[in-house]
């Protein structure tokens, strides 16, 4: 991850921390929002989150890794279309909650992303 950050920002000095169940690598840069505009102000569920075309291509190529990142970072299940890409059935419990609750669907999701620790 540190190497990837340095490829995107050549003068970066990534910092890595080890936490239980995670390796966290960060690099400060005021232009990260230019590359990832969905990291805007306000709450995620109150603003439009749209992927740029290059991001969409990455998600389409690696939907399981995308879902793993969402679930393991903050438990986010807001991207139902990504679940469709990996054939995991879901339903919308209410206006802001996506649920994966069928036994076979949960098993498929666990197989793809692993258990959250």
N, C-alpha and C. Protein backbone atom coordinates (compact mmCIF):
# COMPACT_ATOMS: atom_id res chain seq x y z
N UNK A 1 0.82 -1.19 0.00
CA UNK A 1 0.00 0.00 0.00
C UNK A 1 0.87 1.25 0.00
N UNK A 2 1.95 1.24 0.75
CA UNK A 2 2.83 2.41 0.80
C UNK A 2 3.40 2.69 -0.60
N UNK A 3 3.76 1.63 -1.31
CA UNK A 3 4.30 1.81 -2.66
C UNK A 3 3.25 2.42 -3.59
N UNK A 4 2.01 1.97 -3.45
CA UNK A 4 0.94 2.52 -4.27
C UNK A 4 0.74 4.01 -3.98
N UNK A 5 0.74 4.38 -2.72
CA UNK A 5 0.61 5.79 -2.36
C UNK A 5 1.74 6.62 -2.96
N UNK A 6 2.94 6.08 -2.97
CA UNK A 6 4.08 6.80 -3.52
C UNK A 6 4.00 6.90 -5.05
N UNK A 7 3.35 5.93 -5.70
CA UNK A 7 3.16 6.01 -7.15
C UNK A 7 2.18 7.13 -7.49
N UNK A 8 1.14 7.28 -6.68
CA UNK A 8 0.15 8.33 -6.91
C UNK A 8 0.71 9.69 -6.54
N UNK A 9 1.41 9.76 -5.44
CA UNK A 9 2.03 11.01 -4.98
C UNK A 9 3.51 10.73 -4.71
N UNK A 10 4.37 10.98 -5.71
CA UNK A 10 5.78 10.61 -5.63
C UNK A 10 6.52 11.11 -4.39
N UNK A 11 6.21 12.27 -3.87
CA UNK A 11 6.92 12.80 -2.70
C UNK A 11 6.29 12.38 -1.38
N UNK A 12 5.35 11.46 -1.43
CA UNK A 12 4.64 11.03 -0.22
C UNK A 12 5.59 10.30 0.74
N UNK A 13 5.30 10.48 2.01
CA UNK A 13 6.00 9.73 3.05
C UNK A 13 4.95 8.97 3.84
N UNK A 14 4.51 7.82 3.32
CA UNK A 14 3.44 7.06 3.98
C UNK A 14 3.82 6.64 5.40
N UNK A 15 2.82 6.57 6.21
CA UNK A 15 2.97 6.17 7.61
C UNK A 15 2.10 4.93 7.82
N UNK A 16 2.66 3.87 8.37
CA UNK A 16 1.92 2.62 8.57
C UNK A 16 1.81 2.32 10.05
N UNK A 17 0.58 1.95 10.46
CA UNK A 17 0.31 1.55 11.84
C UNK A 17 -0.31 0.16 11.82
N UNK A 18 0.04 -0.64 12.80
CA UNK A 18 -0.53 -1.98 12.92
C UNK A 18 -1.57 -1.96 14.02
N UNK A 19 -2.76 -2.40 13.68
CA UNK A 19 -3.86 -2.51 14.64
C UNK A 19 -4.38 -3.94 14.60
N UNK A 20 -5.10 -4.36 15.59
CA UNK A 20 -5.65 -5.70 15.62
C UNK A 20 -6.52 -5.92 14.38
N UNK A 21 -6.13 -6.88 13.56
CA UNK A 21 -6.89 -7.21 12.37
C UNK A 21 -6.74 -6.25 11.21
N UNK A 22 -5.80 -5.28 11.31
CA UNK A 22 -5.67 -4.30 10.22
C UNK A 22 -4.26 -3.72 10.17
N UNK A 23 -3.88 -3.34 8.97
CA UNK A 23 -2.65 -2.60 8.73
C UNK A 23 -3.10 -1.30 8.10
N UNK A 24 -2.86 -0.18 8.74
CA UNK A 24 -3.36 1.12 8.28
C UNK A 24 -2.20 1.94 7.73
N UNK A 25 -2.31 2.29 6.45
CA UNK A 25 -1.28 3.10 5.80
C UNK A 25 -1.91 4.42 5.38
N UNK A 26 -1.29 5.53 5.75
CA UNK A 26 -1.82 6.85 5.41
C UNK A 26 -0.72 7.73 4.82
N UNK A 27 -1.15 8.71 4.06
CA UNK A 27 -0.26 9.73 3.53
C UNK A 27 -1.07 11.02 3.41
N UNK A 28 -0.63 12.06 4.04
CA UNK A 28 -1.35 13.34 3.99
C UNK A 28 -1.10 14.04 2.66
N UNK A 29 -2.17 14.65 2.13
CA UNK A 29 -2.06 15.39 0.89
C UNK A 29 -3.34 16.16 0.69
N UNK A 30 -3.24 17.44 0.45
CA UNK A 30 -4.44 18.26 0.31
C UNK A 30 -5.22 17.94 -0.97
N UNK A 31 -4.61 17.22 -1.92
CA UNK A 31 -5.28 16.93 -3.18
C UNK A 31 -5.97 15.56 -3.24
N UNK A 32 -5.99 14.81 -2.14
CA UNK A 32 -6.72 13.53 -2.15
C UNK A 32 -8.18 13.74 -2.56
N UNK A 33 -8.87 14.80 -2.08
CA UNK A 33 -10.26 15.01 -2.50
C UNK A 33 -10.41 15.23 -4.02
N UNK A 34 -9.35 15.68 -4.67
CA UNK A 34 -9.41 15.83 -6.14
C UNK A 34 -9.49 14.46 -6.81
N UNK A 35 -8.81 13.48 -6.24
CA UNK A 35 -8.83 12.13 -6.79
C UNK A 35 -10.04 11.34 -6.33
N UNK A 36 -10.50 11.63 -5.12
CA UNK A 36 -11.63 10.90 -4.53
C UNK A 36 -12.68 11.90 -4.03
N UNK A 37 -13.42 12.52 -4.95
CA UNK A 37 -14.36 13.58 -4.56
C UNK A 37 -15.51 13.08 -3.70
N UNK A 38 -15.77 11.78 -3.68
CA UNK A 38 -16.84 11.27 -2.83
C UNK A 38 -16.51 11.40 -1.35
N UNK A 39 -15.26 11.71 -1.02
CA UNK A 39 -14.87 11.97 0.36
C UNK A 39 -15.10 13.44 0.68
N UNK A 40 -16.32 13.88 0.46
CA UNK A 40 -16.66 15.29 0.67
C UNK A 40 -17.14 15.57 2.07
N UNK A 41 -17.63 16.77 2.24
CA UNK A 41 -18.14 17.18 3.55
C UNK A 41 -19.50 16.55 3.80
N UNK A 42 -19.83 16.40 5.04
CA UNK A 42 -21.14 15.89 5.43
C UNK A 42 -21.19 14.37 5.55
N UNK A 43 -22.36 13.89 5.92
CA UNK A 43 -22.57 12.46 6.13
C UNK A 43 -22.75 11.75 4.80
N UNK A 44 -22.19 10.54 4.70
CA UNK A 44 -22.26 9.79 3.45
C UNK A 44 -23.69 9.58 2.98
N UNK A 45 -24.59 9.26 3.90
CA UNK A 45 -25.95 8.94 3.48
C UNK A 45 -26.77 10.19 3.12
N UNK A 46 -26.20 11.36 3.33
CA UNK A 46 -26.91 12.60 2.99
C UNK A 46 -26.36 13.29 1.75
N UNK A 47 -25.37 12.70 1.11
CA UNK A 47 -24.82 13.31 -0.10
C UNK A 47 -24.69 12.28 -1.21
N UNK A 48 -24.69 12.76 -2.41
CA UNK A 48 -24.55 11.90 -3.56
C UNK A 48 -23.11 11.41 -3.67
N UNK A 49 -22.96 10.11 -3.77
CA UNK A 49 -21.63 9.53 -3.93
C UNK A 49 -21.59 8.90 -5.32
N UNK A 50 -20.79 9.47 -6.19
CA UNK A 50 -20.71 9.02 -7.57
C UNK A 50 -19.26 8.65 -7.88
N UNK A 51 -19.08 7.51 -8.48
CA UNK A 51 -17.73 7.09 -8.86
C UNK A 51 -17.35 7.72 -10.20
N UNK A 52 -16.09 8.11 -10.31
CA UNK A 52 -15.57 8.55 -11.61
C UNK A 52 -15.42 7.31 -12.48
N UNK A 53 -15.30 7.50 -13.77
CA UNK A 53 -15.24 6.36 -14.69
C UNK A 53 -14.09 5.41 -14.35
N UNK A 54 -12.93 5.94 -14.00
CA UNK A 54 -11.80 5.06 -13.68
C UNK A 54 -12.08 4.26 -12.41
N UNK A 55 -12.80 4.86 -11.48
CA UNK A 55 -13.15 4.15 -10.25
C UNK A 55 -14.18 3.06 -10.55
N UNK A 56 -15.13 3.38 -11.41
CA UNK A 56 -16.15 2.42 -11.80
C UNK A 56 -15.52 1.19 -12.47
N UNK A 57 -14.53 1.41 -13.31
CA UNK A 57 -13.83 0.30 -13.97
C UNK A 57 -13.14 -0.60 -12.95
N UNK A 58 -12.53 0.00 -11.96
CA UNK A 58 -11.87 -0.78 -10.91
C UNK A 58 -12.89 -1.61 -10.14
N UNK A 59 -14.03 -0.99 -9.77
CA UNK A 59 -15.07 -1.70 -9.03
C UNK A 59 -15.64 -2.85 -9.87
N UNK A 60 -15.88 -2.60 -11.14
CA UNK A 60 -16.41 -3.65 -12.02
C UNK A 60 -15.41 -4.79 -12.17
N UNK A 61 -14.13 -4.47 -12.15
CA UNK A 61 -13.11 -5.50 -12.28
C UNK A 61 -12.85 -6.28 -11.00
N UNK A 62 -13.10 -5.64 -9.86
CA UNK A 62 -12.81 -6.25 -8.56
C UNK A 62 -13.93 -6.00 -7.56
N UNK A 63 -15.17 -6.41 -7.88
CA UNK A 63 -16.29 -6.11 -6.98
C UNK A 63 -16.14 -6.73 -5.60
N UNK A 64 -15.53 -7.92 -5.51
CA UNK A 64 -15.36 -8.57 -4.22
C UNK A 64 -14.41 -7.77 -3.33
N UNK A 65 -13.34 -7.26 -3.90
CA UNK A 65 -12.39 -6.45 -3.12
C UNK A 65 -13.02 -5.12 -2.71
N UNK A 66 -13.82 -4.54 -3.59
CA UNK A 66 -14.52 -3.30 -3.28
C UNK A 66 -15.45 -3.52 -2.08
N UNK A 67 -16.25 -4.58 -2.14
CA UNK A 67 -17.17 -4.88 -1.04
C UNK A 67 -16.41 -5.16 0.25
N UNK A 68 -15.30 -5.91 0.15
CA UNK A 68 -14.50 -6.20 1.34
C UNK A 68 -14.04 -4.89 1.98
N UNK A 69 -13.58 -3.95 1.17
CA UNK A 69 -13.14 -2.67 1.71
C UNK A 69 -14.26 -1.91 2.40
N UNK A 70 -15.45 -1.92 1.79
CA UNK A 70 -16.59 -1.23 2.39
C UNK A 70 -16.98 -1.85 3.72
N UNK A 71 -17.12 -3.17 3.74
CA UNK A 71 -17.58 -3.84 4.95
C UNK A 71 -16.54 -3.77 6.06
N UNK A 72 -15.27 -3.97 5.72
CA UNK A 72 -14.25 -4.02 6.74
C UNK A 72 -13.86 -2.63 7.24
N UNK A 73 -14.09 -1.59 6.43
CA UNK A 73 -13.73 -0.25 6.90
C UNK A 73 -14.76 0.31 7.86
N UNK A 74 -16.04 0.23 7.49
CA UNK A 74 -17.05 0.81 8.38
C UNK A 74 -18.39 0.09 8.36
N UNK A 75 -18.42 -1.10 7.79
CA UNK A 75 -19.66 -1.86 7.76
C UNK A 75 -20.66 -1.38 6.73
N UNK A 76 -20.24 -0.53 5.81
CA UNK A 76 -21.14 0.05 4.82
C UNK A 76 -21.75 -1.01 3.91
N UNK A 77 -23.05 -0.94 3.75
CA UNK A 77 -23.75 -1.84 2.84
C UNK A 77 -24.58 -1.03 1.84
N UNK A 78 -24.19 0.20 1.60
CA UNK A 78 -25.01 1.10 0.82
C UNK A 78 -24.93 0.91 -0.69
N UNK A 79 -24.04 0.07 -1.15
CA UNK A 79 -23.86 -0.07 -2.60
C UNK A 79 -24.45 -1.39 -3.09
N UNK A 80 -25.75 -1.43 -3.20
CA UNK A 80 -26.44 -2.64 -3.61
C UNK A 80 -26.03 -3.09 -5.00
N UNK A 81 -25.78 -2.15 -5.87
CA UNK A 81 -25.33 -2.54 -7.22
C UNK A 81 -24.05 -3.35 -7.18
N UNK A 82 -23.19 -3.11 -6.21
CA UNK A 82 -21.97 -3.91 -6.10
C UNK A 82 -22.30 -5.34 -5.67
N UNK A 83 -23.32 -5.49 -4.84
CA UNK A 83 -23.77 -6.83 -4.46
C UNK A 83 -24.32 -7.57 -5.68
N UNK A 84 -24.99 -6.85 -6.56
CA UNK A 84 -25.49 -7.46 -7.79
C UNK A 84 -24.36 -8.01 -8.66
N UNK A 85 -23.22 -7.33 -8.66
CA UNK A 85 -22.08 -7.75 -9.47
C UNK A 85 -21.53 -9.11 -9.05
N UNK A 86 -21.73 -9.47 -7.79
CA UNK A 86 -21.21 -10.74 -7.28
C UNK A 86 -22.33 -11.72 -6.93
N UNK A 87 -23.52 -11.44 -7.44
CA UNK A 87 -24.68 -12.34 -7.26
C UNK A 87 -25.04 -12.60 -5.81
N UNK A 88 -25.05 -11.54 -5.01
CA UNK A 88 -25.48 -11.65 -3.62
C UNK A 88 -26.85 -10.97 -3.51
N UNK A 89 -27.91 -11.75 -3.25
CA UNK A 89 -29.24 -11.16 -3.13
C UNK A 89 -29.34 -10.22 -1.92
N UNK A 90 -30.06 -9.12 -2.09
CA UNK A 90 -30.23 -8.14 -1.04
C UNK A 90 -31.64 -7.58 -1.13
N UNK A 91 -32.01 -6.85 -0.09
CA UNK A 91 -33.29 -6.13 -0.12
C UNK A 91 -33.11 -4.83 0.65
N UNK A 92 -33.98 -3.90 0.36
CA UNK A 92 -33.92 -2.61 1.05
C UNK A 92 -34.90 -2.64 2.20
N UNK A 93 -34.38 -2.68 3.42
CA UNK A 93 -35.20 -2.77 4.62
C UNK A 93 -35.97 -1.49 4.86
N UNK A 94 -35.31 -0.37 4.62
CA UNK A 94 -35.96 0.94 4.73
C UNK A 94 -35.22 1.89 3.79
N UNK A 95 -35.52 3.15 3.83
CA UNK A 95 -34.97 4.10 2.86
C UNK A 95 -33.46 4.22 2.89
N UNK A 96 -32.81 3.78 3.99
CA UNK A 96 -31.36 3.93 4.06
C UNK A 96 -30.60 2.67 4.44
N UNK A 97 -31.28 1.53 4.45
CA UNK A 97 -30.63 0.30 4.87
C UNK A 97 -30.78 -0.79 3.81
N UNK A 98 -29.67 -1.36 3.41
CA UNK A 98 -29.63 -2.51 2.52
C UNK A 98 -29.35 -3.73 3.40
N UNK A 99 -30.13 -4.80 3.22
CA UNK A 99 -29.95 -6.00 4.05
C UNK A 99 -29.59 -7.20 3.19
N UNK A 100 -28.64 -7.96 3.70
CA UNK A 100 -28.31 -9.26 3.14
C UNK A 100 -28.65 -10.23 4.26
N UNK A 101 -29.75 -10.96 4.12
CA UNK A 101 -30.20 -11.75 5.26
C UNK A 101 -30.51 -13.21 4.95
N UNK A 102 -30.63 -13.57 3.68
CA UNK A 102 -30.87 -14.98 3.36
C UNK A 102 -29.61 -15.78 3.66
N UNK A 103 -29.80 -16.97 4.19
CA UNK A 103 -28.67 -17.81 4.61
C UNK A 103 -27.66 -18.00 3.48
N UNK A 104 -28.12 -18.32 2.27
CA UNK A 104 -27.21 -18.54 1.16
C UNK A 104 -26.49 -17.25 0.75
N UNK A 105 -27.18 -16.12 0.85
CA UNK A 105 -26.58 -14.83 0.51
C UNK A 105 -25.50 -14.44 1.51
N UNK A 106 -25.77 -14.66 2.79
CA UNK A 106 -24.79 -14.36 3.83
C UNK A 106 -23.56 -15.25 3.66
N UNK A 107 -23.79 -16.53 3.35
CA UNK A 107 -22.68 -17.46 3.13
C UNK A 107 -21.83 -17.01 1.94
N UNK A 108 -22.48 -16.56 0.87
CA UNK A 108 -21.76 -16.09 -0.32
C UNK A 108 -20.93 -14.83 0.02
N UNK A 109 -21.52 -13.93 0.77
CA UNK A 109 -20.81 -12.71 1.17
C UNK A 109 -19.63 -13.04 2.07
N UNK A 110 -19.81 -13.95 3.02
CA UNK A 110 -18.72 -14.37 3.89
C UNK A 110 -17.59 -15.00 3.07
N UNK A 111 -17.97 -15.76 2.06
CA UNK A 111 -16.98 -16.41 1.19
C UNK A 111 -16.16 -15.35 0.42
N UNK A 112 -16.83 -14.31 -0.04
CA UNK A 112 -16.18 -13.26 -0.82
C UNK A 112 -15.29 -12.34 0.01
N UNK A 113 -15.81 -11.89 1.14
CA UNK A 113 -15.13 -10.83 1.87
C UNK A 113 -14.51 -11.28 3.19
N UNK A 114 -14.84 -12.47 3.64
CA UNK A 114 -14.32 -12.94 4.92
C UNK A 114 -15.09 -12.33 6.08
N UNK A 115 -14.89 -12.90 7.23
CA UNK A 115 -15.58 -12.43 8.42
C UNK A 115 -14.94 -11.14 8.91
N UNK A 116 -15.77 -10.20 9.32
CA UNK A 116 -15.26 -8.95 9.88
C UNK A 116 -14.79 -9.21 11.30
N UNK A 117 -13.62 -8.72 11.62
CA UNK A 117 -13.06 -8.98 12.96
C UNK A 117 -13.28 -7.81 13.87
